[in-house]
N, C-alpha and C. Protein backbone atom coordinates (compact mmCIF):
# COMPACT_ATOMS: atom_id res chain seq x y z
N MET A 1 0.74 -1.24 0.11
CA MET A 1 -0.04 0.32 0.07
C MET A 1 0.77 1.64 0.09
N SER A 2 0.46 2.65 -0.55
CA SER A 2 1.18 3.62 -0.57
C SER A 2 1.13 4.54 0.80
N SER A 3 2.16 5.13 0.82
CA SER A 3 2.29 5.95 2.16
C SER A 3 1.24 6.34 2.37
N ARG A 4 1.19 6.70 3.89
CA ARG A 4 -0.31 7.71 4.13
C ARG A 4 -0.21 9.08 3.47
N ALA A 5 0.70 9.86 3.14
CA ALA A 5 0.79 11.08 2.66
C ALA A 5 0.24 11.14 0.90
N GLU A 6 0.28 10.08 0.59
CA GLU A 6 -0.05 9.49 -1.02
C GLU A 6 -1.53 8.99 -1.25
N ARG A 7 -2.14 8.48 -0.07
CA ARG A 7 -3.69 8.05 0.08
C ARG A 7 -4.32 9.24 -0.51
N THR A 8 -5.32 8.86 -1.38
CA THR A 8 -6.44 9.84 -1.55
C THR A 8 -7.35 9.80 -0.36
N LEU A 9 -8.38 10.56 -0.40
CA LEU A 9 -9.29 10.86 0.65
C LEU A 9 -10.33 9.42 0.34
N GLU A 10 -10.61 8.89 -0.73
CA GLU A 10 -11.50 7.74 -0.86
C GLU A 10 -10.55 6.39 -0.46
N GLN A 11 -9.33 6.46 -0.76
CA GLN A 11 -8.33 5.12 -0.16
C GLN A 11 -8.33 5.36 1.41
N VAL A 12 -8.55 6.76 1.84
CA VAL A 12 -8.48 6.50 3.56
C VAL A 12 -9.64 6.57 3.88
N ARG A 13 -10.64 6.70 3.51
CA ARG A 13 -12.15 6.22 3.52
C ARG A 13 -12.60 4.84 4.03
N GLU A 14 -11.85 3.98 2.65
CA GLU A 14 -12.30 2.74 2.56
C GLU A 14 -11.52 1.92 3.38
N THR A 15 -10.15 2.61 3.76
CA THR A 15 -9.40 1.76 4.78
C THR A 15 -9.89 2.18 6.50
N GLY A 16 -10.66 2.75 6.68
CA GLY A 16 -11.27 3.01 7.72
C GLY A 16 -12.40 2.45 7.92
N ILE A 17 -13.21 2.65 6.85
CA ILE A 17 -14.78 1.59 7.00
C ILE A 17 -14.45 0.01 7.46
N ASN A 18 -13.11 -0.38 6.42
CA ASN A 18 -12.62 -1.73 6.95
C ASN A 18 -11.96 -2.01 8.01
N ALA A 19 -11.22 -0.96 8.73
CA ALA A 19 -10.85 -1.40 10.07
C ALA A 19 -12.27 -1.18 10.85
N LEU A 20 -12.99 -0.64 10.64
CA LEU A 20 -14.04 -0.54 11.67
C LEU A 20 -14.69 -1.90 11.75
N ALA A 21 -14.67 -2.25 10.44
CA ALA A 21 -15.80 -3.34 9.96
C ALA A 21 -14.95 -4.72 10.71
N GLU A 22 -13.60 -4.84 10.62
CA GLU A 22 -13.05 -5.89 11.12
C GLU A 22 -12.76 -5.61 13.12
N ALA A 23 -13.11 -4.44 13.14
CA ALA A 23 -12.84 -4.55 14.42
C ALA A 23 -14.30 -4.58 15.47
N LEU A 24 -15.24 -4.27 14.68
CA LEU A 24 -16.49 -3.81 15.43
C LEU A 24 -17.59 -5.29 15.00
N GLY A 25 -17.44 -5.48 13.71
CA GLY A 25 -18.35 -6.46 13.03
C GLY A 25 -18.92 -5.35 11.89
N PRO A 26 -19.85 -5.50 11.26
CA PRO A 26 -20.91 -4.43 10.62
C PRO A 26 -21.76 -4.17 11.07
N SER A 27 -22.46 -4.91 11.77
CA SER A 27 -23.72 -4.06 12.72
C SER A 27 -23.12 -2.98 13.54
N ASP A 28 -22.28 -3.59 14.46
CA ASP A 28 -21.63 -2.28 15.32
C ASP A 28 -20.90 -1.22 14.73
N MET A 29 -20.34 -1.42 13.37
CA MET A 29 -19.88 -0.58 12.76
C MET A 29 -20.79 0.54 12.13
N LEU A 30 -22.06 -0.08 11.75
CA LEU A 30 -23.04 1.01 11.17
C LEU A 30 -23.52 1.68 12.39
N ARG A 31 -23.59 0.98 13.78
CA ARG A 31 -24.29 1.73 15.21
C ARG A 31 -23.08 2.88 14.84
N PHE A 32 -21.81 2.75 15.20
CA PHE A 32 -20.99 3.49 15.45
C PHE A 32 -21.23 4.93 14.30
N LEU A 33 -21.26 4.58 13.33
CA LEU A 33 -21.12 5.35 12.12
C LEU A 33 -22.24 6.48 12.45
N GLN A 34 -23.78 5.83 12.87
CA GLN A 34 -24.39 6.43 13.05
C GLN A 34 -24.34 7.61 14.48
N LEU A 35 -23.70 7.04 15.13
CA LEU A 35 -23.30 8.32 16.58
C LEU A 35 -22.48 9.31 15.70
N LEU A 36 -21.61 9.36 14.72
CA LEU A 36 -21.29 10.72 14.22
C LEU A 36 -21.62 11.31 13.51
N SER A 37 -22.94 11.09 13.14
CA SER A 37 -23.86 11.65 11.99
C SER A 37 -24.67 13.18 13.07
N ASN A 38 -24.34 14.07 12.42
CA ASN A 38 -24.97 15.61 13.18
C ASN A 38 -26.37 15.69 12.97
N GLY A 39 -26.92 14.74 11.95
CA GLY A 39 -28.46 15.27 11.46
C GLY A 39 -28.46 16.57 10.95
N SER A 40 -29.84 16.84 10.48
CA SER A 40 -30.04 18.40 10.19
C SER A 40 -30.94 18.92 10.73
N GLY A 41 -31.12 20.07 10.30
CA GLY A 41 -32.24 20.75 10.87
C GLY A 41 -31.88 21.63 12.31
N ASP A 42 -33.41 22.35 12.62
CA ASP A 42 -33.21 22.80 14.16
C ASP A 42 -34.23 22.18 14.89
N TYR A 43 -34.10 21.35 15.53
CA TYR A 43 -35.06 20.11 16.42
C TYR A 43 -35.86 21.30 17.45
N THR A 44 -35.34 22.27 17.89
CA THR A 44 -35.78 23.10 18.91
C THR A 44 -36.95 23.80 18.27
N GLU A 45 -36.56 24.55 17.06
CA GLU A 45 -37.51 25.41 16.38
C GLU A 45 -38.65 24.55 15.55
N GLU A 46 -38.19 23.34 15.11
CA GLU A 46 -39.14 22.53 14.43
C GLU A 46 -40.26 21.99 15.33
N ARG A 47 -39.73 21.87 16.71
CA ARG A 47 -40.88 21.16 17.81
C ARG A 47 -41.38 22.39 18.23
N ARG A 48 -41.25 23.45 18.11
CA ARG A 48 -41.76 24.82 18.83
C ARG A 48 -42.90 24.85 17.84
N ILE A 49 -42.79 25.09 16.47
CA ILE A 49 -43.70 25.08 15.24
C ILE A 49 -44.50 23.90 15.26
N THR A 50 -44.29 22.89 15.57
CA THR A 50 -45.07 21.54 15.26
C THR A 50 -46.22 21.78 16.67
N LEU A 51 -45.81 21.99 18.07
CA LEU A 51 -46.39 21.86 19.00
C LEU A 51 -46.79 23.35 19.72
N LYS A 52 -46.63 24.43 18.77
CA LYS A 52 -47.18 25.72 19.15
C LYS A 52 -48.43 26.14 19.67
N ASP A 53 -49.69 25.36 19.25
CA ASP A 53 -51.03 25.78 19.81
C ASP A 53 -51.45 24.50 20.68
N GLY A 54 -50.87 23.39 20.68
CA GLY A 54 -51.55 22.22 21.39
C GLY A 54 -51.21 22.00 22.70
N SER A 55 -52.52 21.97 23.90
CA SER A 55 -51.97 21.86 25.41
C SER A 55 -51.78 20.23 25.36
N VAL A 56 -51.18 19.62 26.35
CA VAL A 56 -50.69 18.45 26.66
C VAL A 56 -52.01 17.43 26.38
N ARG A 57 -53.23 18.02 26.78
CA ARG A 57 -54.34 17.21 26.91
C ARG A 57 -54.81 16.88 25.42
N GLU A 58 -54.61 18.09 24.27
CA GLU A 58 -54.91 17.89 22.89
C GLU A 58 -53.90 17.16 21.94
N LEU A 59 -52.59 16.96 22.55
CA LEU A 59 -51.77 15.86 22.17
C LEU A 59 -52.06 14.92 22.25
N VAL A 60 -52.56 14.45 23.77
CA VAL A 60 -52.79 12.95 24.24
C VAL A 60 -53.97 12.65 23.24
N GLU A 61 -55.14 13.33 23.12
CA GLU A 61 -56.37 12.94 22.28
C GLU A 61 -55.91 12.90 21.19
N GLU A 62 -54.73 13.43 20.31
CA GLU A 62 -54.47 13.52 18.84
C GLU A 62 -53.66 11.87 18.53
N ILE A 63 -52.89 11.87 19.38
CA ILE A 63 -52.09 10.28 19.45
C ILE A 63 -53.16 9.21 19.88
N LEU A 64 -54.34 9.41 20.80
CA LEU A 64 -54.94 8.52 20.67
C LEU A 64 -55.52 8.04 19.47
N LYS A 65 -56.35 9.12 18.85
CA LYS A 65 -57.14 9.04 17.72
C LYS A 65 -56.44 8.63 16.60
N ARG A 66 -54.85 8.99 16.37
CA ARG A 66 -54.36 8.44 15.09
C ARG A 66 -53.94 6.64 15.59
N ARG A 67 -53.62 6.52 16.61
CA ARG A 67 -53.50 4.80 17.06
C ARG A 67 -54.97 4.26 16.77
N HIS A 68 -56.01 5.03 17.22
CA HIS A 68 -57.09 4.12 16.91
C HIS A 68 -57.36 3.89 15.38
N ASN A 69 -57.27 5.07 14.58
CA ASN A 69 -57.31 4.87 13.35
C ASN A 69 -56.63 3.87 12.47
N GLU A 70 -55.02 4.06 13.22
CA GLU A 70 -54.15 2.86 12.51
C GLU A 70 -54.52 1.31 13.01
N SER A 71 -55.27 1.01 14.10
CA SER A 71 -55.83 0.01 14.48
C SER A 71 -56.80 -0.54 13.47
N SER A 72 -57.67 0.33 13.41
CA SER A 72 -59.25 -0.18 12.94
C SER A 72 -58.97 -0.11 11.22
N ALA A 73 -57.97 0.70 10.76
CA ALA A 73 -57.46 0.39 9.15
C ALA A 73 -57.19 -1.11 8.64
N PRO A 74 -57.85 -1.06 7.47
CA PRO A 74 -57.59 -2.80 7.18
C PRO A 74 -56.38 -2.84 6.83
N PRO A 75 -55.95 -4.34 6.85
CA PRO A 75 -54.31 -4.25 6.57
C PRO A 75 -54.25 -4.44 5.26
N THR A 76 -52.95 -3.89 5.09
CA THR A 76 -52.81 -3.66 3.42
C THR A 76 -51.68 -4.89 2.98
N THR A 77 -52.36 -5.01 1.55
CA THR A 77 -51.49 -6.07 1.22
C THR A 77 -50.21 -5.70 0.01
N ALA A 78 -49.18 -6.41 -0.09
CA ALA A 78 -48.26 -6.20 -0.99
C ALA A 78 -48.73 -6.74 -2.24
N THR A 79 -48.71 -5.59 -3.14
CA THR A 79 -48.86 -6.14 -4.87
C THR A 79 -47.69 -6.12 -5.30
N THR A 80 -47.55 -7.19 -6.55
CA THR A 80 -46.50 -7.44 -7.08
C THR A 80 -46.69 -6.82 -8.50
């Protein structure tokens, strides 16, 4: 393999992924990589907009209504 200074970013990425997979196994490697993700957006602002006019009671009622609608909906079948 070439020296560290000569590796491309893609080679560094691939070497790192391979090292993680070997050390952690595929499942834990993916879990580790998910920890590094910052996500996107502004959770606090999105939550403020989503919940701006609802009381706790209204939110509970909405959750119960949605659960009821989901449980009473006919099962969906896969089509090919």
